[in-house]
Amino acid sequence: MKRRRFIKNIAFVSTAFAVNGCAYDPSRVLDVTFFVAADTHFDPPPDSDTYYHIRAMNRIPNEVIWPQNIDGKLTEFGSVGKKVDTPKGIVLAGDILDKADAGALELFRQRYEQGPGDKQINYPVYIGLGNHDINPVIDESEKQKGRRRMWNYLEERHNGESAPVPVTNFDAASRNYSWDWDGLHLVQTHLFAGATSEDQPNSLKWLKDDLTNYASDGSPVVIIQHYGFDSWALNWWTAKERSELFAILKKYNVVAVIAGHSHYADNLEWEGIPVFQVNNAWPEIGNGNNDGNGSFAMFRITNDFIDMATCRWKNGNGEVDIVEPFYSKKYNK
């Protein structure tokens, strides 16, 4: 099902860099740039435009400038006028494949496993799985096989010190994981932390322990999940599940929740936490979601501010337009 919604830019209040008396050390240098893509929905070959995102993300660093204005609106970016830094990595917010097909996964690997190729991503990639990955819309006899294939791939990429993209804390049960860039703590929770569908064990205790161990000092935290907070996405998880999640997150300095799933970009707010909803990767003109070409989100988080811009690819050559929604918040010292 495809949806369209008016894209808006909402200003909202973020948490400060101090939580429950635990002081975040401002002398620790924090300056992290990263990109987030969602809903790439790879199909098996032949390929058509799966590399459009790749070329755009590879080309942006040191070429694209954080703009002063977007669509005639003042951005107030802390990074305004500066070239975009090389990202620490690419984070994926789920539905990387459309039907958990083996051929689609092989094509995805050619595009989203780090390497020097022209149609291959040049940075580390942090995999997140969505409902199409772990509950693929395929014949029941193939569904379990497809699900196992995707979980196995995730474990191959991130579990253990020798993994291609190792992480700080990997939960073998839920496959949730976390890692740190400078003083920023990021947590990948796939559908969402606490999801129990598709044979998933509840990961809330793991999340609570993870944040206790890695974010009790007030370090800024970014949560990545597939399901978001727009009116359609709220039908995919319950108010009770959201309440249980917030009961854990409210004790920490969560500066962003990043989601996909709904196939349009939006800035929202949930219980005072900024929510950044990332668009899908390809055009859907004629399918009820006529918001142009695919896009991804570009973030820069420092001790002083958080900037987010939406990058929409123009063509297959790597050129992008910086469009709404965008967001900037400067932190009080």
C-alpha atoms as a PDB file:
ATOM      1  CA  MET A   1       0.000   0.000   0.000  1.00  0.00           C
ATOM      2  CA  LYS A   2       1.401   3.370  -1.000  1.00  0.00           C
ATOM      3  CA  ARG A   3       0.563   6.638   0.706  1.00  0.00           C
ATOM      4  CA  ARG A   4       1.098  10.338   0.161  1.00  0.00           C
ATOM      5  CA  ARG A   5       1.193  12.992   2.801  1.00  0.00           C
ATOM      6  CA  PHE A   6       2.075  16.661   2.775  1.00  0.00           C
ATOM      7  CA  ILE A   7       5.698  17.093   3.828  1.00  0.00           C
ATOM      8  CA  LYS A   8       6.179  19.603   6.600  1.00  0.00           C
ATOM      9  CA  ASN A   9       8.963  20.958   8.739  1.00  0.00           C
ATOM     10  CA  ILE A  10       8.137  21.094  12.432  1.00  0.00           C
ATOM     11  CA  ALA A  11      10.225  22.836  15.069  1.00  0.00           C
ATOM     12  CA  PHE A  12      10.290  21.041  18.373  1.00  0.00           C
ATOM     13  CA  VAL A  13      12.237  20.885  21.589  1.00  0.00           C
ATOM     14  CA  SER A  14      15.010  18.359  22.112  1.00  0.00           C
ATOM     15  CA  THR A  15      16.482  17.131  25.363  1.00  0.00           C
ATOM     16  CA  ALA A  16      19.571  18.837  26.768  1.00  0.00           C
ATOM     17  CA  PHE A  17      22.937  17.167  27.201  1.00  0.00           C
ATOM     18  CA  ALA A  18      22.319  16.232  30.851  1.00  0.00           C
ATOM     19  CA  VAL A  19      20.032  13.487  32.077  1.00  0.00           C
ATOM     20  CA  ASN A  20      19.027  12.448  35.613  1.00  0.00           C
ATOM     21  CA  GLY A  21      22.058  14.160  37.107  1.00  0.00           C
ATOM     22  CA  CYS A  22      24.499  12.296  34.829  1.00  0.00           C
ATOM     23  CA  ALA A  23      26.622  14.962  33.199  1.00  0.00           C
ATOM     24  CA  TYR A  24      27.674  14.514  29.613  1.00  0.00           C
ATOM     25  CA  ASP A  25      31.325  15.532  29.236  1.00  0.00           C
ATOM     26  CA  PRO A  26      31.323  18.561  26.867  1.00  0.00           C
ATOM     27  CA  SER A  27      35.089  18.306  26.449  1.00  0.00           C
ATOM     28  CA  ARG A  28      34.635  15.060  24.538  1.00  0.00           C
ATOM     29  CA  VAL A  29      34.697  15.944  20.843  1.00  0.00           C
ATOM     30  CA  LEU A  30      31.464  14.974  19.137  1.00  0.00           C
ATOM     31  CA  ASP A  31      31.120  15.646  15.426  1.00  0.00           C
ATOM     32  CA  VAL A  32      29.377  12.848  13.545  1.00  0.00           C
ATOM     33  CA  THR A  33      27.996  12.897  10.008  1.00  0.00           C
ATOM     34  CA  PHE A  34      25.958   9.931   8.783  1.00  0.00           C
ATOM     35  CA  PHE A  35      23.263   9.110   6.228  1.00  0.00           C
ATOM     36  CA  VAL A  36      20.060   7.117   6.732  1.00  0.00           C
ATOM     37  CA  ALA A  37      18.198   5.279   3.968  1.00  0.00           C
ATOM     38  CA  ALA A  38      15.009   3.258   4.269  1.00  0.00           C
ATOM     39  CA  ASP A  39      12.752   1.051   2.194  1.00  0.00           C
ATOM     40  CA  THR A  40      15.117   0.254  -0.637  1.00  0.00           C
ATOM     41  CA  HIS A  41      12.848  -2.753  -1.452  1.00  0.00           C
ATOM     42  CA  PHE A  42      15.330  -4.576  -3.663  1.00  0.00           C
ATOM     43  CA  ASP A  43      13.899  -7.006  -6.228  1.00  0.00           C
ATOM     44  CA  PRO A  44      15.917  -9.673  -8.068  1.00  0.00           C
ATOM     45  CA  PRO A  45      17.833  -8.604 -11.209  1.00  0.00           C
ATOM     46  CA  PRO A  46      17.614  -7.158 -13.786  1.00  0.00           C
ATOM     47  CA  ASP A  47      18.644  -3.951 -12.080  1.00  0.00           C
ATOM     48  CA  SER A  48      17.296  -0.539 -13.048  1.00  0.00           C
ATOM     49  CA  ASP A  49      17.880   2.196 -10.476  1.00  0.00           C
ATOM     50  CA  THR A  50      19.095   0.607  -7.213  1.00  0.00           C
ATOM     51  CA  TYR A  51      22.448   2.365  -7.656  1.00  0.00           C
ATOM     52  CA  TYR A  52      20.942   5.873  -7.806  1.00  0.00           C
ATOM     53  CA  HIS A  53      21.014   6.135  -4.012  1.00  0.00           C
ATOM     54  CA  ILE A  54      24.515   4.700  -3.949  1.00  0.00           C
ATOM     55  CA  ARG A  55      26.014   7.203  -6.372  1.00  0.00           C
ATOM     56  CA  ALA A  56      24.346  10.098  -4.579  1.00  0.00           C
ATOM     57  CA  MET A  57      25.643   9.058  -1.146  1.00  0.00           C
ATOM     58  CA  ASN A  58      29.126   8.461  -2.545  1.00  0.00           C
ATOM     59  CA  ARG A  59      29.243  11.833  -4.285  1.00  0.00           C
ATOM     60  CA  ILE A  60      27.873  14.110  -1.550  1.00  0.00           C
ATOM     61  CA  PRO A  61      30.893  14.327   0.794  1.00  0.00           C
ATOM     62  CA  ASN A  62      33.192  17.279   0.136  1.00  0.00           C
ATOM     63  CA  GLU A  63      31.021  18.372  -2.800  1.00  0.00           C
ATOM     64  CA  VAL A  64      27.574  19.287  -1.402  1.00  0.00           C
ATOM     65  CA  ILE A  65      27.282  22.272   0.946  1.00  0.00           C
ATOM     66  CA  TRP A  66      24.854  22.568   3.850  1.00  0.00           C
ATOM     67  CA  PRO A  67      22.524  25.254   2.468  1.00  0.00           C
ATOM     68  CA  GLN A  68      21.328  28.478   4.068  1.00  0.00           C
ATOM     69  CA  ASN A  69      17.893  28.162   2.470  1.00  0.00           C
ATOM     70  CA  ILE A  70      15.746  25.226   1.348  1.00  0.00           C
ATOM     71  CA  ASP A  71      12.633  25.901  -0.708  1.00  0.00           C
ATOM     72  CA  GLY A  72      12.845  29.559   0.325  1.00  0.00           C
ATOM     73  CA  LYS A  73      13.007  28.771   4.055  1.00  0.00           C
ATOM     74  CA  LEU A  74      15.914  29.662   6.320  1.00  0.00           C
ATOM     75  CA  THR A  75      17.544  26.460   7.569  1.00  0.00           C
ATOM     76  CA  GLU A  76      19.529  27.844  10.525  1.00  0.00           C
ATOM     77  CA  PHE A  77      21.873  24.874  10.152  1.00  0.00           C
ATOM     78  CA  GLY A  78      24.854  24.876  12.464  1.00  0.00           C
ATOM     79  CA  SER A  79      26.740  23.557   9.434  1.00  0.00           C
ATOM     80  CA  VAL A  80      25.539  26.206   6.998  1.00  0.00           C
ATOM     81  CA  GLY A  81      28.036  27.018   4.249  1.00  0.00           C
ATOM     82  CA  LYS A  82      30.264  24.025   5.051  1.00  0.00           C
ATOM     83  CA  LYS A  83      30.844  21.048   2.825  1.00  0.00           C
ATOM     84  CA  VAL A  84      29.288  17.803   4.012  1.00  0.00           C
ATOM     85  CA  ASP A  85      31.861  15.652   5.784  1.00  0.00           C
ATOM     86  CA  THR A  86      32.545  12.054   4.846  1.00  0.00           C
ATOM     87  CA  PRO A  87      29.904  10.027   6.706  1.00  0.00           C
ATOM     88  CA  LYS A  88      30.877   7.626   9.466  1.00  0.00           C
ATOM     89  CA  GLY A  89      28.497   5.193   7.832  1.00  0.00           C
ATOM     90  CA  ILE A  90      25.122   4.490   6.228  1.00  0.00           C
ATOM     91  CA  VAL A  91      22.281   3.367   8.490  1.00  0.00           C
ATOM     92  CA  LEU A  92      19.334   1.444   7.028  1.00  0.00           C
ATOM     93  CA  ALA A  93      15.885   1.656   8.614  1.00  0.00           C
ATOM     94  CA  GLY A  94      14.360  -1.550   7.256  1.00  0.00           C
ATOM     95  CA  ASP A  95      12.694  -3.127   4.232  1.00  0.00           C
ATOM     96  CA  ILE A  96      15.971  -3.513   2.407  1.00  0.00           C
ATOM     97  CA  LEU A  97      14.345  -6.204   0.222  1.00  0.00           C
ATOM     98  CA  ASP A  98      10.805  -6.474  -1.026  1.00  0.00           C
ATOM     99  CA  LYS A  99      10.276 -10.216  -0.574  1.00  0.00           C
ATOM    100  CA  ALA A 100      13.411 -11.645   1.107  1.00  0.00           C
ATOM    101  CA  ASP A 101      14.358 -13.261  -2.200  1.00  0.00           C
ATOM    102  CA  ALA A 102      17.844 -14.793  -2.592  1.00  0.00           C
ATOM    103  CA  GLY A 103      18.457 -13.019  -5.906  1.00  0.00           C
ATOM    104  CA  ALA A 104      17.368  -9.690  -4.441  1.00  0.00           C
ATOM    105  CA  LEU A 105      19.701 -10.154  -1.484  1.00  0.00           C
ATOM    106  CA  GLU A 106      22.625 -10.852  -3.805  1.00  0.00           C
ATOM    107  CA  LEU A 107      21.933  -7.633  -5.730  1.00  0.00           C
ATOM    108  CA  PHE A 108      21.633  -5.738  -2.438  1.00  0.00           C
ATOM    109  CA  ARG A 109      25.035  -7.085  -1.373  1.00  0.00           C
ATOM    110  CA  GLN A 110      26.585  -5.790  -4.588  1.00  0.00           C
ATOM    111  CA  ARG A 111      25.265  -2.317  -3.822  1.00  0.00           C
ATOM    112  CA  TYR A 112      25.370  -1.966  -0.011  1.00  0.00           C
ATOM    113  CA  GLU A 113      28.496  -3.823   1.060  1.00  0.00           C
ATOM    114  CA  GLN A 114      31.376  -1.349   1.294  1.00  0.00           C
ATOM    115  CA  GLY A 115      33.806  -1.271  -1.597  1.00  0.00           C
ATOM    116  CA  PRO A 116      35.346   0.943  -4.283  1.00  0.00           C
ATOM    117  CA  GLY A 117      32.915   0.128  -7.099  1.00  0.00           C
ATOM    118  CA  ASP A 118      31.088   2.800  -9.078  1.00  0.00           C
ATOM    119  CA  LYS A 119      27.713   1.335  -8.111  1.00  0.00           C
ATOM    120  CA  GLN A 120      28.863   0.174  -4.680  1.00  0.00           C
ATOM    121  CA  ILE A 121      28.650   2.083  -1.416  1.00  0.00           C
ATOM    122  CA  ASN A 122      31.985   3.497  -0.222  1.00  0.00           C
ATOM    123  CA  TYR A 123      31.180   3.524   3.518  1.00  0.00           C
ATOM    124  CA  PRO A 124      30.293   1.018   6.261  1.00  0.00           C
ATOM    125  CA  VAL A 125      26.611   0.055   6.240  1.00  0.00           C
ATOM    126  CA  TYR A 126      24.550  -0.758   9.345  1.00  0.00           C
ATOM    127  CA  ILE A 127      21.696  -3.078   8.394  1.00  0.00           C
ATOM    128  CA  GLY A 128      18.167  -2.720   9.752  1.00  0.00           C
ATOM    129  CA  LEU A 129      15.355  -5.107   8.833  1.00  0.00           C
ATOM    130  CA  GLY A 130      11.675  -4.276   8.345  1.00  0.00           C
ATOM    131  CA  ASN A 131       8.462  -6.210   7.907  1.00  0.00           C
ATOM    132  CA  HIS A 132       9.195  -7.013   4.244  1.00  0.00           C
ATOM    133  CA  ASP A 133      12.495  -8.578   5.298  1.00  0.00           C
ATOM    134  CA  ILE A 134      11.329 -10.710   8.211  1.00  0.00           C
ATOM    135  CA  ASN A 135       7.689 -11.229   7.261  1.00  0.00           C
ATOM    136  CA  PRO A 136       7.944 -11.261   3.456  1.00  0.00           C
ATOM    137  CA  VAL A 137       4.783 -11.323   1.364  1.00  0.00           C
ATOM    138  CA  ILE A 138       5.512 -14.686  -0.214  1.00  0.00           C
ATOM    139  CA  ASP A 139       4.168 -18.223  -0.129  1.00  0.00           C
ATOM    140  CA  GLU A 140       3.947 -19.557   3.430  1.00  0.00           C
ATOM    141  CA  SER A 141       6.231 -22.450   2.568  1.00  0.00           C
ATOM    142  CA  GLU A 142       8.983 -19.970   1.641  1.00  0.00           C
ATOM    143  CA  LYS A 143       8.364 -17.375   4.336  1.00  0.00           C
ATOM    144  CA  GLN A 144      10.373 -19.043   7.108  1.00  0.00           C
ATOM    145  CA  LYS A 145      13.244 -19.688   4.697  1.00  0.00           C
ATOM    146  CA  GLY A 146      13.280 -16.049   3.625  1.00  0.00           C
ATOM    147  CA  ARG A 147      13.173 -14.853   7.233  1.00  0.00           C
ATOM    148  CA  ARG A 148      16.086 -17.075   8.221  1.00  0.00           C
ATOM    149  CA  ARG A 149      18.030 -15.857   5.199  1.00  0.00           C
ATOM    150  CA  MET A 150      17.681 -12.243   6.300  1.00  0.00           C
ATOM    151  CA  TRP A 151      18.523 -12.843   9.970  1.00  0.00           C
ATOM    152  CA  ASN A 152      21.523 -14.925   8.933  1.00  0.00           C
ATOM    153  CA  TYR A 153      22.722 -12.104   6.689  1.00  0.00           C
ATOM    154  CA  LEU A 154      22.363  -9.571   9.485  1.00  0.00           C
ATOM    155  CA  GLU A 155      24.376 -11.760  11.844  1.00  0.00           C
ATOM    156  CA  GLU A 156      27.036 -12.256   9.198  1.00  0.00           C
ATOM    157  CA  ARG A 157      27.477  -8.512   8.801  1.00  0.00           C
ATOM    158  CA  HIS A 158      27.459  -7.404  12.461  1.00  0.00           C
ATOM    159  CA  ASN A 159      27.821 -10.203  15.014  1.00  0.00           C
ATOM    160  CA  GLY A 160      31.279 -10.692  16.490  1.00  0.00           C
ATOM    161  CA  GLU A 161      34.593  -8.868  16.477  1.00  0.00           C
ATOM    162  CA  SER A 162      35.523 -10.319  13.093  1.00  0.00           C
ATOM    163  CA  ALA A 163      32.292  -9.211  11.410  1.00  0.00           C
ATOM    164  CA  PRO A 164      32.704  -6.968   8.327  1.00  0.00           C
ATOM    165  CA  VAL A 165      30.988  -4.142  10.236  1.00  0.00           C
ATOM    166  CA  PRO A 166      31.478  -4.961  13.936  1.00  0.00           C
ATOM    167  CA  VAL A 167      29.312  -3.307  16.561  1.00  0.00           C
ATOM    168  CA  THR A 168      29.658  -2.694  20.288  1.00  0.00           C
ATOM    169  CA  ASN A 169      26.731  -4.741  21.603  1.00  0.00           C
ATOM    170  CA  PHE A 170      24.873  -7.410  19.593  1.00  0.00           C
ATOM    171  CA  ASP A 171      21.889  -9.243  21.094  1.00  0.00           C
ATOM    172  CA  ALA A 172      21.939 -12.809  19.782  1.00  0.00           C
ATOM    173  CA  ALA A 173      18.254 -13.294  20.616  1.00  0.00           C
ATOM    174  CA  SER A 174      16.584 -10.254  19.036  1.00  0.00           C
ATOM    175  CA  ARG A 175      19.476  -9.212  16.742  1.00  0.00           C
ATOM    176  CA  ASN A 176      19.145  -5.659  18.033  1.00  0.00           C
ATOM    177  CA  TYR A 177      22.554  -4.029  18.250  1.00  0.00           C
ATOM    178  CA  SER A 178      24.283  -0.812  19.232  1.00  0.00           C
ATOM    179  CA  TRP A 179      27.504   1.014  18.458  1.00  0.00           C
ATOM    180  CA  ASP A 180      29.235   4.315  19.165  1.00  0.00           C
ATOM    181  CA  TRP A 181      30.602   7.079  16.966  1.00  0.00           C
ATOM    182  CA  ASP A 182      32.647   9.495  19.062  1.00  0.00           C
ATOM    183  CA  GLY A 183      30.265  10.324  21.933  1.00  0.00           C
ATOM    184  CA  LEU A 184      27.102   9.346  20.037  1.00  0.00           C
ATOM    185  CA  HIS A 185      25.365   6.062  20.935  1.00  0.00           C
ATOM    186  CA  LEU A 186      23.216   4.494  18.189  1.00  0.00           C
ATOM    187  CA  VAL A 187      20.816   1.579  18.634  1.00  0.00           C
ATOM    188  CA  GLN A 188      19.362  -0.462  15.757  1.00  0.00           C
ATOM    189  CA  THR A 189      16.070  -2.119  16.795  1.00  0.00           C
ATOM    190  CA  HIS A 190      14.653  -3.291  13.416  1.00  0.00           C
ATOM    191  CA  LEU A 191      10.807  -3.170  13.645  1.00  0.00           C
ATOM    192  CA  PHE A 192      11.051  -1.504  17.089  1.00  0.00           C
ATOM    193  CA  ALA A 193      12.452  -2.432  20.476  1.00  0.00           C
ATOM    194  CA  GLY A 194       9.986  -4.788  22.126  1.00  0.00           C
ATOM    195  CA  ALA A 195       8.540  -6.249  18.917  1.00  0.00           C
ATOM    196  CA  THR A 196       7.467  -9.877  19.345  1.00  0.00           C
ATOM    197  CA  SER A 197       5.935 -10.630  15.945  1.00  0.00           C
ATOM    198  CA  GLU A 198       7.598 -12.926  13.412  1.00  0.00           C
ATOM    199  CA  ASP A 199       9.173 -15.080  16.164  1.00  0.00           C
ATOM    200  CA  GLN A 200      11.017 -12.149  17.716  1.00  0.00           C
ATOM    201  CA  PRO A 201      11.829 -12.219  21.443  1.00  0.00           C
ATOM    202  CA  ASN A 202      11.065  -9.018  23.337  1.00  0.00           C
ATOM    203  CA  SER A 203      14.200  -6.867  23.388  1.00  0.00           C
ATOM    204  CA  LEU A 204      13.202  -4.241  25.952  1.00  0.00           C
ATOM    205  CA  LYS A 205      15.357  -5.683  28.742  1.00  0.00           C
ATOM    206  CA  TRP A 206      18.314  -5.790  26.369  1.00  0.00           C
ATOM    207  CA  LEU A 207      17.659  -2.148  25.420  1.00  0.00           C
ATOM    208  CA  LYS A 208      17.388  -1.103  29.064  1.00  0.00           C
ATOM    209  CA  ASP A 209      20.689  -2.810  29.878  1.00  0.00           C
ATOM    210  CA  ASP A 210      22.360  -1.373  26.797  1.00  0.00           C
ATOM    211  CA  LEU A 211      21.400   2.204  27.618  1.00  0.00           C
ATOM    212  CA  THR A 212      22.371   1.715  31.259  1.00  0.00           C
ATOM    213  CA  ASN A 213      25.817   0.554  30.189  1.00  0.00           C
ATOM    214  CA  TYR A 214      26.481   2.997  27.354  1.00  0.00           C
ATOM    215  CA  ALA A 215      24.359   6.116  27.884  1.00  0.00           C
ATOM    216  CA  SER A 216      23.918   6.683  31.625  1.00  0.00           C
ATOM    217  CA  ASP A 217      26.382   9.567  31.477  1.00  0.00           C
ATOM    218  CA  GLY A 218      23.936  11.582  29.369  1.00  0.00           C
ATOM    219  CA  SER A 219      25.542  10.711  26.043  1.00  0.00           C
ATOM    220  CA  PRO A 220      23.224  11.548  23.124  1.00  0.00           C
ATOM    221  CA  VAL A 221      21.326   8.515  21.845  1.00  0.00           C
ATOM    222  CA  VAL A 222      19.861   7.797  18.410  1.00  0.00           C
ATOM    223  CA  ILE A 223      17.267   5.022  18.074  1.00  0.00           C
ATOM    224  CA  ILE A 224      16.711   3.469  14.628  1.00  0.00           C
ATOM    225  CA  GLN A 225      13.575   1.428  13.929  1.00  0.00           C
ATOM    226  CA  HIS A 226      11.329   0.612  10.993  1.00  0.00           C
ATOM    227  CA  TYR A 227       7.861   1.540  12.254  1.00  0.00           C
ATOM    228  CA  GLY A 228       7.235   5.236  12.707  1.00  0.00           C
ATOM    229  CA  PHE A 229       4.728   7.599  14.284  1.00  0.00           C
ATOM    230  CA  ASP A 230       2.539   8.920  11.479  1.00  0.00           C
ATOM    231  CA  SER A 231      -1.148   7.966  11.589  1.00  0.00           C
ATOM    232  CA  TRP A 232      -0.704   5.018   9.230  1.00  0.00           C
ATOM    233  CA  ALA A 233       2.407   3.606  10.925  1.00  0.00           C
ATOM    234  CA  LEU A 234       0.738   3.711  14.344  1.00  0.00           C
ATOM    235  CA  ASN A 235      -1.532   0.902  13.140  1.00  0.00           C
ATOM    236  CA  TRP A 236       1.499  -1.394  12.971  1.00  0.00           C
ATOM    237  CA  TRP A 237       2.306  -1.310  16.693  1.00  0.00           C
ATOM    238  CA  THR A 238       0.216  -0.714  19.772  1.00  0.00           C
ATOM    239  CA  ALA A 239      -0.069   2.147  22.240  1.00  0.00           C
ATOM    240  CA  LYS A 240       1.042  -0.287  24.957  1.00  0.00           C
ATOM    241  CA  GLU A 241       4.187  -1.161  23.013  1.00  0.00           C
ATOM    242  CA  ARG A 242       4.985   2.515  22.534  1.00  0.00           C
ATOM    243  CA  SER A 243       4.348   3.234  26.213  1.00  0.00           C
ATOM    244  CA  GLU A 244       6.687   0.443  27.295  1.00  0.00           C
ATOM    245  CA  LEU A 245       9.382   1.734  24.965  1.00  0.00           C
ATOM    246  CA  PHE A 246       9.064   5.316  26.186  1.00  0.00           C
ATOM    247  CA  ALA A 247       9.271   4.184  29.817  1.00  0.00           C
ATOM    248  CA  ILE A 248      12.854   3.143  29.044  1.00  0.00           C
ATOM    249  CA  LEU A 249      13.863   5.942  26.669  1.00  0.00           C
ATOM    250  CA  LYS A 250      12.629   8.806  28.866  1.00  0.00           C
ATOM    251  CA  LYS A 251      15.514   8.260  31.285  1.00  0.00           C
ATOM    252  CA  TYR A 252      18.120   8.943  28.619  1.00  0.00           C
ATOM    253  CA  ASN A 253      19.228  11.718  26.305  1.00  0.00           C
ATOM    254  CA  VAL A 254      17.483  10.492  23.154  1.00  0.00           C
ATOM    255  CA  VAL A 255      18.106  13.180  20.548  1.00  0.00           C
ATOM    256  CA  ALA A 256      16.460  11.336  17.651  1.00  0.00           C
ATOM    257  CA  VAL A 257      14.289   8.403  16.710  1.00  0.00           C
ATOM    258  CA  ILE A 258      14.718   7.550  13.013  1.00  0.00           C
ATOM    259  CA  ALA A 259      12.125   5.444  11.172  1.00  0.00           C
ATOM    260  CA  GLY A 260      11.085   4.377   7.680  1.00  0.00           C
ATOM    261  CA  HIS A 261       8.117   2.233   6.561  1.00  0.00           C
ATOM    262  CA  SER A 262       5.649   4.913   5.411  1.00  0.00           C
ATOM    263  CA  HIS A 263       7.403   5.906   2.152  1.00  0.00           C
ATOM    264  CA  TYR A 264       7.464   9.642   2.667  1.00  0.00           C
ATOM    265  CA  ALA A 265       9.766  12.020   4.536  1.00  0.00           C
ATOM    266  CA  ASP A 266       8.461  13.842   7.576  1.00  0.00           C
ATOM    267  CA  ASN A 267       9.578  15.419  10.847  1.00  0.00           C
ATOM    268  CA  LEU A 268       7.411  14.504  13.806  1.00  0.00           C
ATOM    269  CA  GLU A 269       7.560  14.502  17.588  1.00  0.00           C
ATOM    270  CA  TRP A 270       6.807  11.691  20.029  1.00  0.00           C
ATOM    271  CA  GLU A 271       6.676  12.422  23.766  1.00  0.00           C
ATOM    272  CA  GLY A 272       9.041  15.358  23.233  1.00  0.00           C
ATOM    273  CA  ILE A 273      11.545  13.313  21.187  1.00  0.00           C
ATOM    274  CA  PRO A 274      12.293  14.384  17.603  1.00  0.00           C
ATOM    275  CA  VAL A 275      11.271  11.705  15.096  1.00  0.00           C
ATOM    276  CA  PHE A 276      12.768  11.712  11.605  1.00  0.00           C
ATOM    277  CA  GLN A 277      10.831   9.662   9.096  1.00  0.00           C
ATOM    278  CA  VAL A 278      12.931   8.731   6.058  1.00  0.00           C
ATOM    279  CA  ASN A 279      11.493   8.378   2.561  1.00  0.00           C
ATOM    280  CA  ASN A 280      11.811   5.296   0.360  1.00  0.00           C
ATOM    281  CA  ALA A 281      14.538   4.982  -2.263  1.00  0.00           C
ATOM    282  CA  TRP A 282      12.670   5.182  -5.587  1.00  0.00           C
ATOM    283  CA  PRO A 283       9.913   7.170  -7.369  1.00  0.00           C
ATOM    284  CA  GLU A 284       6.337   6.113  -6.790  1.00  0.00           C
ATOM    285  CA  ILE A 285       4.602   8.371  -9.265  1.00  0.00           C
ATOM    286  CA  GLY A 286       1.197   6.937 -10.042  1.00  0.00           C
ATOM    287  CA  ASN A 287       1.152   4.785  -6.900  1.00  0.00           C
ATOM    288  CA  GLY A 288      -0.458   7.252  -4.530  1.00  0.00           C
ATOM    289  CA  ASN A 289       2.801   8.740  -3.251  1.00  0.00           C
ATOM    290  CA  ASN A 290       3.797  11.353  -5.804  1.00  0.00           C
ATOM    291  CA  ASP A 291       6.642  13.006  -3.892  1.00  0.00           C
ATOM    292  CA  GLY A 292       9.255  12.739  -6.622  1.00  0.00           C
ATOM    293  CA  ASN A 293      12.416  10.701  -6.688  1.00  0.00           C
ATOM    294  CA  GLY A 294      13.677   8.656  -3.782  1.00  0.00           C
ATOM    295  CA  SER A 295      15.532  10.363  -0.961  1.00  0.00           C
ATOM    296  CA  PHE A 296      17.567   9.726   2.161  1.00  0.00           C
ATOM    297  CA  ALA A 297      18.394  11.712   5.290  1.00  0.00           C
ATOM    298  CA  MET A 298      21.716  13.388   6.029  1.00  0.00           C
ATOM    299  CA  PHE A 299      22.622  14.069   9.684  1.00  0.00           C
ATOM    300  CA  ARG A 300      25.352  15.963  11.468  1.00  0.00           C
ATOM    301  CA  ILE A 301      25.386  15.785  15.271  1.00  0.00           C
ATOM    302  CA  THR A 302      27.896  17.749  17.352  1.00  0.00           C
ATOM    303  CA  ASN A 303      28.223  18.972  20.935  1.00  0.00           C
ATOM    304  CA  ASP A 304      26.524  22.186  19.824  1.00  0.00           C
ATOM    305  CA  PHE A 305      23.772  21.207  17.385  1.00  0.00           C
ATOM    306  CA  ILE A 306      21.985  18.590  15.308  1.00  0.00           C
ATOM    307  CA  ASP A 307      21.323  19.188  11.596  1.00  0.00           C
ATOM    308  CA  MET A 308      19.210  17.017   9.315  1.00  0.00           C
ATOM    309  CA  ALA A 309      18.531  17.498   5.605  1.00  0.00           C
ATOM    310  CA  THR A 310      16.612  15.431   3.073  1.00  0.00           C
ATOM    311  CA  CYS A 311      18.630  14.519  -0.022  1.00  0.00           C
ATOM    312  CA  ARG A 312      16.628  13.591  -3.130  1.00  0.00           C
ATOM    313  CA  TRP A 313      18.511  12.122  -6.067  1.00  0.00           C
ATOM    314  CA  LYS A 314      18.100  13.953  -9.374  1.00  0.00           C
ATOM    315  CA  ASN A 315      19.391  11.264 -11.728  1.00  0.00           C
ATOM    316  CA  GLY A 316      21.650   8.243 -11.797  1.00  0.00           C
ATOM    317  CA  ASN A 317      24.821  10.337 -11.880  1.00  0.00           C
ATOM    318  CA  GLY A 318      24.910  11.158  -8.184  1.00  0.00           C
ATOM    319  CA  GLU A 319      23.454  14.669  -8.278  1.00  0.00           C
ATOM    320  CA  VAL A 320      21.019  15.559  -5.481  1.00  0.00           C
ATOM    321  CA  ASP A 321      18.532  18.230  -4.492  1.00  0.00           C
ATOM    322  CA  ILE A 322      18.407  19.237  -0.817  1.00  0.00           C
ATOM    323  CA  VAL A 323      14.698  19.493  -0.019  1.00  0.00           C
ATOM    324  CA  GLU A 324      12.206  19.569   2.842  1.00  0.00           C
ATOM    325  CA  PRO A 325      11.819  18.360   5.483  1.00  0.00           C
ATOM    326  CA  PHE A 326      14.884  19.660   7.266  1.00  0.00           C
ATOM    327  CA  TYR A 327      15.693  20.265  10.910  1.00  0.00           C
ATOM    328  CA  SER A 328      18.211  22.080  13.063  1.00  0.00           C
ATOM    329  CA  LYS A 329      18.456  22.372  16.825  1.00  0.00           C
ATOM    330  CA  LYS A 330      21.165  24.217  18.724  1.00  0.00           C
ATOM    331  CA  TYR A 331      21.847  23.054  22.255  1.00  0.00           C
ATOM    332  CA  ASN A 332      22.091  25.482  25.155  1.00  0.00           C
ATOM    333  CA  LYS A 333      25.407  25.524  26.943  1.00  0.00           C
END
